[in-house]
């Protein structure tokens, strides 16, 4: 699998370079991003791909000094469960 940052999204490709998942965000001003969508193809679920996509979003926020509003239900669950994401969570 290969994870790639594109314009306002992280994409994961399988070994045949077929897109199998994505996490998208919107910019909310200069200092915030809104994670609005996380998706993984049905036959690829259960491998931690969505978790990795959200983790990439957290890393992006840290590198760019941004706070995150996790609007997507999956991303919100990840932020609720992972205490080490609290530094980038918009309170």
PDB file of N, CA and C in Angstrom:
ATOM      1  N   UNK A   1       0.833  -1.189   0.000  1.00  0.00           N
ATOM      2  CA  UNK A   1       0.000   0.000   0.000  1.00  0.00           C
ATOM      3  C   UNK A   1       0.872   1.243   0.000  1.00  0.00           C
ATOM      4  N   UNK A   2       0.331   2.282  -0.607  1.00  0.00           N
ATOM      5  CA  UNK A   2       1.058   3.542  -0.697  1.00  0.00           C
ATOM      6  C   UNK A   2       0.118   4.677  -0.304  1.00  0.00           C
ATOM      7  N   UNK A   3       0.562   5.488   0.663  1.00  0.00           N
ATOM      8  CA  UNK A   3      -0.206   6.648   1.112  1.00  0.00           C
ATOM      9  C   UNK A   3       0.380   7.888   0.459  1.00  0.00           C
ATOM     10  N   UNK A   4      -0.499   8.739  -0.101  1.00  0.00           N
ATOM     11  CA  UNK A   4      -0.058   9.908  -0.856  1.00  0.00           C
ATOM     12  C   UNK A   4      -0.864  11.122  -0.406  1.00  0.00           C
ATOM     13  N   UNK A   5      -0.181  12.246  -0.204  1.00  0.00           N
ATOM     14  CA  UNK A   5      -0.885  13.500   0.065  1.00  0.00           C
ATOM     15  C   UNK A   5      -1.182  14.171  -1.257  1.00  0.00           C
ATOM     16  N   UNK A   6      -2.443  14.504  -1.464  1.00  0.00           N
ATOM     17  CA  UNK A   6      -2.874  15.260  -2.640  1.00  0.00           C
ATOM     18  C   UNK A   6      -3.531  16.539  -2.131  1.00  0.00           C
ATOM     19  N   UNK A   7      -4.139  17.306  -2.991  1.00  0.00           N
ATOM     20  CA  UNK A   7      -4.771  18.561  -2.585  1.00  0.00           C
ATOM     21  C   UNK A   7      -5.904  18.285  -1.594  1.00  0.00           C
ATOM     22  N   UNK A   8      -5.696  18.675  -0.358  1.00  0.00           N
ATOM     23  CA  UNK A   8      -6.679  18.548   0.716  1.00  0.00           C
ATOM     24  C   UNK A   8      -7.177  17.127   0.947  1.00  0.00           C
ATOM     25  N   UNK A   9      -6.305  16.145   0.685  1.00  0.00           N
ATOM     26  CA  UNK A   9      -6.678  14.770   1.015  1.00  0.00           C
ATOM     27  C   UNK A   9      -5.441  13.887   1.065  1.00  0.00           C
ATOM     28  N   UNK A  10      -5.585  12.816   1.837  1.00  0.00           N
ATOM     29  CA  UNK A  10      -4.616  11.732   1.816  1.00  0.00           C
ATOM     30  C   UNK A  10      -5.314  10.555   1.152  1.00  0.00           C
ATOM     31  N   UNK A  11      -4.597   9.896   0.255  1.00  0.00           N
ATOM     32  CA  UNK A  11      -5.148   8.782  -0.508  1.00  0.00           C
ATOM     33  C   UNK A  11      -4.275   7.565  -0.268  1.00  0.00           C
ATOM     34  N   UNK A  12      -4.903   6.390  -0.234  1.00  0.00           N
ATOM     35  CA  UNK A  12      -4.138   5.146  -0.140  1.00  0.00           C
ATOM     36  C   UNK A  12      -4.430   4.325  -1.390  1.00  0.00           C
ATOM     37  N   UNK A  13      -3.352   3.805  -1.965  1.00  0.00           N
ATOM     38  CA  UNK A  13      -3.426   2.987  -3.169  1.00  0.00           C
ATOM     39  C   UNK A  13      -2.951   1.575  -2.847  1.00  0.00           C
ATOM     40  N   UNK A  14      -3.543   0.597  -3.513  1.00  0.00           N
ATOM     41  CA  UNK A  14      -3.054  -0.777  -3.357  1.00  0.00           C
ATOM     42  C   UNK A  14      -1.840  -0.986  -4.262  1.00  0.00           C
ATOM     43  N   UNK A  15      -1.344  -2.207  -4.323  1.00  0.00           N
ATOM     44  CA  UNK A  15      -0.129  -2.494  -5.095  1.00  0.00           C
ATOM     45  C   UNK A  15      -0.307  -2.293  -6.596  1.00  0.00           C
ATOM     46  N   UNK A  16      -1.554  -2.308  -7.075  1.00  0.00           N
ATOM     47  CA  UNK A  16      -1.821  -2.051  -8.494  1.00  0.00           C
ATOM     48  C   UNK A  16      -2.108  -0.570  -8.752  1.00  0.00           C
ATOM     49  N   UNK A  17      -1.867   0.260  -7.704  1.00  0.00           N
ATOM     50  CA  UNK A  17      -2.110   1.704  -7.768  1.00  0.00           C
ATOM     51  C   UNK A  17      -3.582   2.043  -8.002  1.00  0.00           C
ATOM     52  N   UNK A  18      -4.467   1.189  -7.467  1.00  0.00           N
ATOM     53  CA  UNK A  18      -5.904   1.469  -7.451  1.00  0.00           C
ATOM     54  C   UNK A  18      -6.212   2.159  -6.134  1.00  0.00           C
ATOM     55  N   UNK A  19      -6.955   3.259  -6.206  1.00  0.00           N
ATOM     56  CA  UNK A  19      -7.312   3.981  -4.989  1.00  0.00           C
ATOM     57  C   UNK A  19      -8.263   3.124  -4.152  1.00  0.00           C
ATOM     58  N   UNK A  20      -7.903   2.916  -2.876  1.00  0.00           N
ATOM     59  CA  UNK A  20      -8.749   2.087  -2.009  1.00  0.00           C
ATOM     60  C   UNK A  20      -9.245   2.840  -0.780  1.00  0.00           C
ATOM     61  N   UNK A  21      -8.807   4.075  -0.588  1.00  0.00           N
ATOM     62  CA  UNK A  21      -9.290   4.850   0.545  1.00  0.00           C
ATOM     63  C   UNK A  21      -8.811   6.281   0.488  1.00  0.00           C
ATOM     64  N   UNK A  22      -9.502   7.126   1.279  1.00  0.00           N
ATOM     65  CA  UNK A  22      -9.115   8.530   1.331  1.00  0.00           C
ATOM     66  C   UNK A  22      -9.595   9.154   2.632  1.00  0.00           C
ATOM     67  N   UNK A  23      -8.934  10.234   3.006  1.00  0.00           N
ATOM     68  CA  UNK A  23      -9.368  11.093   4.081  1.00  0.00           C
ATOM     69  C   UNK A  23      -9.250  12.510   3.542  1.00  0.00           C
ATOM     70  N   UNK A  24     -10.340  13.271   3.613  1.00  0.00           N
ATOM     71  CA  UNK A  24     -10.324  14.621   3.050  1.00  0.00           C
ATOM     72  C   UNK A  24     -10.500  15.654   4.164  1.00  0.00           C
ATOM     73  N   UNK A  25      -9.991  16.851   3.893  1.00  0.00           N
ATOM     74  CA  UNK A  25     -10.180  17.946   4.831  1.00  0.00           C
ATOM     75  C   UNK A  25     -10.412  19.240   4.075  1.00  0.00           C
ATOM     76  N   UNK A  26     -11.014  20.187   4.791  1.00  0.00           N
ATOM     77  CA  UNK A  26     -11.213  21.544   4.293  1.00  0.00           C
ATOM     78  C   UNK A  26     -10.430  22.483   5.189  1.00  0.00           C
ATOM     79  N   UNK A  27      -9.906  23.529   4.602  1.00  0.00           N
ATOM     80  CA  UNK A  27      -9.245  24.552   5.406  1.00  0.00           C
ATOM     81  C   UNK A  27     -10.316  25.451   6.004  1.00  0.00           C
ATOM     82  N   UNK A  28     -10.148  25.781   7.275  1.00  0.00           N
ATOM     83  CA  UNK A  28     -11.066  26.688   7.964  1.00  0.00           C
ATOM     84  C   UNK A  28     -10.219  27.844   8.492  1.00  0.00           C
ATOM     85  N   UNK A  29     -10.007  28.808   7.637  1.00  0.00           N
ATOM     86  CA  UNK A  29      -9.120  29.901   7.997  1.00  0.00           C
ATOM     87  C   UNK A  29      -7.667  29.461   7.905  1.00  0.00           C
ATOM     88  N   UNK A  30      -6.806  30.247   8.520  1.00  0.00           N
ATOM     89  CA  UNK A  30      -5.362  29.980   8.448  1.00  0.00           C
ATOM     90  C   UNK A  30      -4.905  28.911   9.428  1.00  0.00           C
ATOM     91  N   UNK A  31      -5.668  28.706  10.506  1.00  0.00           N
ATOM     92  CA  UNK A  31      -5.140  27.903  11.601  1.00  0.00           C
ATOM     93  C   UNK A  31      -5.914  26.616  11.879  1.00  0.00           C
ATOM     94  N   UNK A  32      -6.901  26.283  11.054  1.00  0.00           N
ATOM     95  CA  UNK A  32      -7.699  25.085  11.312  1.00  0.00           C
ATOM     96  C   UNK A  32      -7.976  24.304  10.039  1.00  0.00           C
ATOM     97  N   UNK A  33      -8.129  22.989  10.231  1.00  0.00           N
ATOM     98  CA  UNK A  33      -8.648  22.140   9.160  1.00  0.00           C
ATOM     99  C   UNK A  33      -9.827  21.350   9.723  1.00  0.00           C
ATOM    100  N   UNK A  34     -10.741  21.010   8.838  1.00  0.00           N
ATOM    101  CA  UNK A  34     -11.897  20.196   9.192  1.00  0.00           C
ATOM    102  C   UNK A  34     -11.754  18.872   8.465  1.00  0.00           C
ATOM    103  N   UNK A  35     -11.575  17.783   9.226  1.00  0.00           N
ATOM    104  CA  UNK A  35     -11.581  16.457   8.604  1.00  0.00           C
ATOM    105  C   UNK A  35     -13.042  16.112   8.357  1.00  0.00           C
ATOM    106  N   UNK A  36     -13.423  16.063   7.076  1.00  0.00           N
ATOM    107  CA  UNK A  36     -14.839  15.926   6.752  1.00  0.00           C
ATOM    108  C   UNK A  36     -15.235  14.577   6.162  1.00  0.00           C
ATOM    109  N   UNK A  37     -14.245  13.721   5.856  1.00  0.00           N
ATOM    110  CA  UNK A  37     -14.597  12.458   5.202  1.00  0.00           C
ATOM    111  C   UNK A  37     -13.440  11.475   5.323  1.00  0.00           C
ATOM    112  N   UNK A  38     -13.769  10.258   5.723  1.00  0.00           N
ATOM    113  CA  UNK A  38     -12.802   9.157   5.716  1.00  0.00           C
ATOM    114  C   UNK A  38     -13.504   7.968   5.095  1.00  0.00           C
ATOM    115  N   UNK A  39     -12.852   7.321   4.119  1.00  0.00           N
ATOM    116  CA  UNK A  39     -13.478   6.208   3.413  1.00  0.00           C
ATOM    117  C   UNK A  39     -12.428   5.160   3.063  1.00  0.00           C
ATOM    118  N   UNK A  40     -12.812   3.890   3.227  1.00  0.00           N
ATOM    119  CA  UNK A  40     -11.997   2.767   2.781  1.00  0.00           C
ATOM    120  C   UNK A  40     -12.931   1.776   2.102  1.00  0.00           C
ATOM    121  N   UNK A  41     -12.508   1.261   0.948  1.00  0.00           N
ATOM    122  CA  UNK A  41     -13.315   0.277   0.228  1.00  0.00           C
ATOM    123  C   UNK A  41     -13.676  -0.894   1.143  1.00  0.00           C
ATOM    124  N   UNK A  42     -14.893  -1.422   0.981  1.00  0.00           N
ATOM    125  CA  UNK A  42     -15.397  -2.504   1.836  1.00  0.00           C
ATOM    126  C   UNK A  42     -14.423  -3.671   1.950  1.00  0.00           C
ATOM    127  N   UNK A  43     -13.855  -4.092   0.839  1.00  0.00           N
ATOM    128  CA  UNK A  43     -12.985  -5.278   0.863  1.00  0.00           C
ATOM    129  C   UNK A  43     -11.605  -5.009   1.461  1.00  0.00           C
ATOM    130  N   UNK A  44     -11.335  -3.762   1.821  1.00  0.00           N
ATOM    131  CA  UNK A  44     -10.044  -3.400   2.417  1.00  0.00           C
ATOM    132  C   UNK A  44     -10.168  -3.017   3.891  1.00  0.00           C
ATOM    133  N   UNK A  45     -11.377  -3.049   4.421  1.00  0.00           N
ATOM    134  CA  UNK A  45     -11.598  -2.620   5.807  1.00  0.00           C
ATOM    135  C   UNK A  45     -11.032  -3.627   6.791  1.00  0.00           C
ATOM    136  N   UNK A  46     -10.801  -3.175   8.011  1.00  0.00           N
ATOM    137  CA  UNK A  46     -10.299  -4.043   9.064  1.00  0.00           C
ATOM    138  C   UNK A  46      -8.789  -4.185   9.087  1.00  0.00           C
ATOM    139  N   UNK A  47      -8.097  -3.389   8.289  1.00  0.00           N
ATOM    140  CA  UNK A  47      -6.634  -3.462   8.232  1.00  0.00           C
ATOM    141  C   UNK A  47      -5.954  -2.240   8.851  1.00  0.00           C
ATOM    142  N   UNK A  48      -6.743  -1.345   9.422  1.00  0.00           N
ATOM    143  CA  UNK A  48      -6.166  -0.147  10.031  1.00  0.00           C
ATOM    144  C   UNK A  48      -5.893   0.979   9.050  1.00  0.00           C
ATOM    145  N   UNK A  49      -6.437   0.869   7.847  1.00  0.00           N
ATOM    146  CA  UNK A  49      -6.174   1.892   6.816  1.00  0.00           C
ATOM    147  C   UNK A  49      -6.790   3.234   7.205  1.00  0.00           C
ATOM    148  N   UNK A  50      -8.038   3.220   7.634  1.00  0.00           N
ATOM    149  CA  UNK A  50      -8.696   4.478   8.015  1.00  0.00           C
ATOM    150  C   UNK A  50      -7.981   5.132   9.192  1.00  0.00           C
ATOM    151  N   UNK A  51      -7.553   4.314  10.157  1.00  0.00           N
ATOM    152  CA  UNK A  51      -6.806   4.846  11.296  1.00  0.00           C
ATOM    153  C   UNK A  51      -5.522   5.518  10.829  1.00  0.00           C
ATOM    154  N   UNK A  52      -4.834   4.895   9.876  1.00  0.00           N
ATOM    155  CA  UNK A  52      -3.600   5.468   9.346  1.00  0.00           C
ATOM    156  C   UNK A  52      -3.870   6.776   8.605  1.00  0.00           C
ATOM    157  N   UNK A  53      -4.976   6.844   7.878  1.00  0.00           N
ATOM    158  CA  UNK A  53      -5.324   8.076   7.167  1.00  0.00           C
ATOM    159  C   UNK A  53      -5.560   9.224   8.150  1.00  0.00           C
ATOM    160  N   UNK A  54      -6.290   8.953   9.229  1.00  0.00           N
ATOM    161  CA  UNK A  54      -6.521   9.995  10.232  1.00  0.00           C
ATOM    162  C   UNK A  54      -5.197  10.386  10.889  1.00  0.00           C
ATOM    163  N   UNK A  55      -4.330   9.411  11.162  1.00  0.00           N
ATOM    164  CA  UNK A  55      -3.018   9.707  11.745  1.00  0.00           C
ATOM    165  C   UNK A  55      -2.212  10.622  10.829  1.00  0.00           C
ATOM    166  N   UNK A  56      -2.311  10.419   9.530  1.00  0.00           N
ATOM    167  CA  UNK A  56      -1.621  11.299   8.585  1.00  0.00           C
ATOM    168  C   UNK A  56      -2.182  12.716   8.665  1.00  0.00           C
ATOM    169  N   UNK A  57      -3.492  12.826   8.851  1.00  0.00           N
ATOM    170  CA  UNK A  57      -4.107  14.137   9.025  1.00  0.00           C
ATOM    171  C   UNK A  57      -3.620  14.831  10.287  1.00  0.00           C
ATOM    172  N   UNK A  58      -3.458  14.073  11.361  1.00  0.00           N
ATOM    173  CA  UNK A  58      -2.935  14.617  12.613  1.00  0.00           C
ATOM    174  C   UNK A  58      -1.498  15.088  12.412  1.00  0.00           C
ATOM    175  N   UNK A  59      -0.680  14.283  11.748  1.00  0.00           N
ATOM    176  CA  UNK A  59       0.707  14.679  11.463  1.00  0.00           C
ATOM    177  C   UNK A  59       0.753  15.952  10.619  1.00  0.00           C
ATOM    178  N   UNK A  60      -0.126  16.021   9.611  1.00  0.00           N
ATOM    179  CA  UNK A  60      -0.203  17.214   8.761  1.00  0.00           C
ATOM    180  C   UNK A  60      -0.519  18.447   9.613  1.00  0.00           C
ATOM    181  N   UNK A  61      -1.501  18.301  10.506  1.00  0.00           N
ATOM    182  CA  UNK A  61      -1.876  19.436  11.362  1.00  0.00           C
ATOM    183  C   UNK A  61      -0.707  19.867  12.240  1.00  0.00           C
ATOM    184  N   UNK A  62      -0.004  18.917  12.804  1.00  0.00           N
ATOM    185  CA  UNK A  62       1.141  19.246  13.658  1.00  0.00           C
ATOM    186  C   UNK A  62       2.230  19.970  12.866  1.00  0.00           C
ATOM    187  N   UNK A  63       2.553  19.445  11.698  1.00  0.00           N
ATOM    188  CA  UNK A  63       3.616  20.050  10.881  1.00  0.00           C
ATOM    189  C   UNK A  63       3.266  21.463  10.437  1.00  0.00           C
ATOM    190  N   UNK A  64       1.964  21.723  10.265  1.00  0.00           N
ATOM    191  CA  UNK A  64       1.522  23.014   9.745  1.00  0.00           C
ATOM    192  C   UNK A  64       0.909  23.915  10.817  1.00  0.00           C
ATOM    193  N   UNK A  65       1.111  23.551  12.083  1.00  0.00           N
ATOM    194  CA  UNK A  65       0.595  24.320  13.215  1.00  0.00           C
ATOM    195  C   UNK A  65      -0.888  24.647  13.066  1.00  0.00           C
ATOM    196  N   UNK A  66      -1.677  23.613  12.804  1.00  0.00           N
ATOM    197  CA  UNK A  66      -3.119  23.779  12.651  1.00  0.00           C
ATOM    198  C   UNK A  66      -3.857  22.961  13.700  1.00  0.00           C
ATOM    199  N   UNK A  67      -5.051  23.412  14.032  1.00  0.00           N
ATOM    200  CA  UNK A  67      -5.951  22.649  14.893  1.00  0.00           C
ATOM    201  C   UNK A  67      -6.929  21.908  13.988  1.00  0.00           C
ATOM    202  N   UNK A  68      -7.512  20.829  14.518  1.00  0.00           N
ATOM    203  CA  UNK A  68      -8.393  19.970  13.732  1.00  0.00           C
ATOM    204  C   UNK A  68      -9.791  19.961  14.340  1.00  0.00           C
ATOM    205  N   UNK A  69     -10.780  20.104  13.470  1.00  0.00           N
ATOM    206  CA  UNK A  69     -12.173  19.858  13.827  1.00  0.00           C
ATOM    207  C   UNK A  69     -12.546  18.546  13.140  1.00  0.00           C
ATOM    208  N   UNK A  70     -12.704  17.458  13.907  1.00  0.00           N
ATOM    209  CA  UNK A  70     -13.036  16.163  13.287  1.00  0.00           C
ATOM    210  C   UNK A  70     -14.542  16.025  13.063  1.00  0.00           C
ATOM    211  N   UNK A  71     -15.020  16.520  11.937  1.00  0.00           N
ATOM    212  CA  UNK A  71     -16.447  16.466  11.611  1.00  0.00           C
ATOM    213  C   UNK A  71     -16.876  15.067  11.181  1.00  0.00           C
ATOM    214  N   UNK A  72     -16.009  14.377  10.479  1.00  0.00           N
ATOM    215  CA  UNK A  72     -16.285  13.007  10.040  1.00  0.00           C
ATOM    216  C   UNK A  72     -16.460  12.119  11.273  1.00  0.00           C
ATOM    217  N   UNK A  73     -17.528  11.296  11.323  1.00  0.00           N
ATOM    218  CA  UNK A  73     -17.763  10.446  12.502  1.00  0.00           C
ATOM    219  C   UNK A  73     -16.595   9.520  12.837  1.00  0.00           C
ATOM    220  N   UNK A  74     -15.937   8.958  11.828  1.00  0.00           N
ATOM    221  CA  UNK A  74     -14.803   8.076  12.106  1.00  0.00           C
ATOM    222  C   UNK A  74     -13.651   8.864  12.725  1.00  0.00           C
ATOM    223  N   UNK A  75     -13.338  10.012  12.156  1.00  0.00           N
ATOM    224  CA  UNK A  75     -12.256  10.835  12.701  1.00  0.00           C
ATOM    225  C   UNK A  75     -12.593  11.284  14.119  1.00  0.00           C
ATOM    226  N   UNK A  76     -13.842  11.644  14.370  1.00  0.00           N
ATOM    227  CA  UNK A  76     -14.252  12.049  15.716  1.00  0.00           C
ATOM    228  C   UNK A  76     -14.016  10.914  16.707  1.00  0.00           C
ATOM    229  N   UNK A  77     -14.363   9.688  16.306  1.00  0.00           N
ATOM    230  CA  UNK A  77     -14.139   8.521  17.169  1.00  0.00           C
ATOM    231  C   UNK A  77     -12.641   8.358  17.460  1.00  0.00           C
ATOM    232  N   UNK A  78     -11.814   8.526  16.443  1.00  0.00           N
ATOM    233  CA  UNK A  78     -10.368   8.413  16.637  1.00  0.00           C
ATOM    234  C   UNK A  78      -9.859   9.469  17.623  1.00  0.00           C
ATOM    235  N   UNK A  79     -10.340  10.705  17.488  1.00  0.00           N
ATOM    236  CA  UNK A  79      -9.928  11.767  18.404  1.00  0.00           C
ATOM    237  C   UNK A  79     -10.430  11.497  19.818  1.00  0.00           C
ATOM    238  N   UNK A  80     -11.629  10.932  19.939  1.00  0.00           N
ATOM    239  CA  UNK A  80     -12.165  10.599  21.264  1.00  0.00           C
ATOM    240  C   UNK A  80     -11.347   9.499  21.931  1.00  0.00           C
ATOM    241  N   UNK A  81     -10.837   8.556  21.144  1.00  0.00           N
ATOM    242  CA  UNK A  81     -10.135   7.396  21.694  1.00  0.00           C
ATOM    243  C   UNK A  81      -8.639   7.618  21.885  1.00  0.00           C
ATOM    244  N   UNK A  82      -8.043   8.503  21.112  1.00  0.00           N
ATOM    245  CA  UNK A  82      -6.585   8.659  21.141  1.00  0.00           C
ATOM    246  C   UNK A  82      -6.204   9.952  21.849  1.00  0.00           C
ATOM    247  N   UNK A  83      -5.757   9.793  23.068  1.00  0.00           N
ATOM    248  CA  UNK A  83      -5.407  10.966  23.884  1.00  0.00           C
ATOM    249  C   UNK A  83      -4.223  11.732  23.289  1.00  0.00           C
ATOM    250  N   UNK A  84      -3.356  11.056  22.526  1.00  0.00           N
ATOM    251  CA  UNK A  84      -2.200  11.745  21.950  1.00  0.00           C
ATOM    252  C   UNK A  84      -2.581  12.644  20.771  1.00  0.00           C
ATOM    253  N   UNK A  85      -3.866  12.673  20.388  1.00  0.00           N
ATOM    254  CA  UNK A  85      -4.325  13.585  19.338  1.00  0.00           C
ATOM    255  C   UNK A  85      -4.851  14.901  19.926  1.00  0.00           C
ATOM    256  N   UNK A  86      -4.956  14.985  21.245  1.00  0.00           N
ATOM    257  CA  UNK A  86      -5.598  16.133  21.868  1.00  0.00           C
ATOM    258  C   UNK A  86      -4.851  17.452  21.623  1.00  0.00           C
ATOM    259  N   UNK A  87      -3.544  17.363  21.339  1.00  0.00           N
ATOM    260  CA  UNK A  87      -2.778  18.596  21.114  1.00  0.00           C
ATOM    261  C   UNK A  87      -3.209  19.344  19.862  1.00  0.00           C
ATOM    262  N   UNK A  88      -3.824  18.648  18.905  1.00  0.00           N
ATOM    263  CA  UNK A  88      -4.270  19.318  17.680  1.00  0.00           C
ATOM    264  C   UNK A  88      -5.786  19.474  17.601  1.00  0.00           C
ATOM    265  N   UNK A  89      -6.501  18.956  18.590  1.00  0.00           N
ATOM    266  CA  UNK A  89      -7.962  19.036  18.584  1.00  0.00           C
ATOM    267  C   UNK A  89      -8.401  20.470  18.888  1.00  0.00           C
ATOM    268  N   UNK A  90      -9.270  21.006  18.047  1.00  0.00           N
ATOM    269  CA  UNK A  90      -9.860  22.332  18.289  1.00  0.00           C
ATOM    270  C   UNK A  90     -10.896  22.171  19.383  1.00  0.00           C
ATOM    271  N   UNK A  91     -10.655  22.830  20.496  1.00  0.00           N
ATOM    272  CA  UNK A  91     -11.555  22.717  21.658  1.00  0.00           C
ATOM    273  C   UNK A  91     -12.668  23.730  21.586  1.00  0.00           C
TER     274      UNK A  91
END
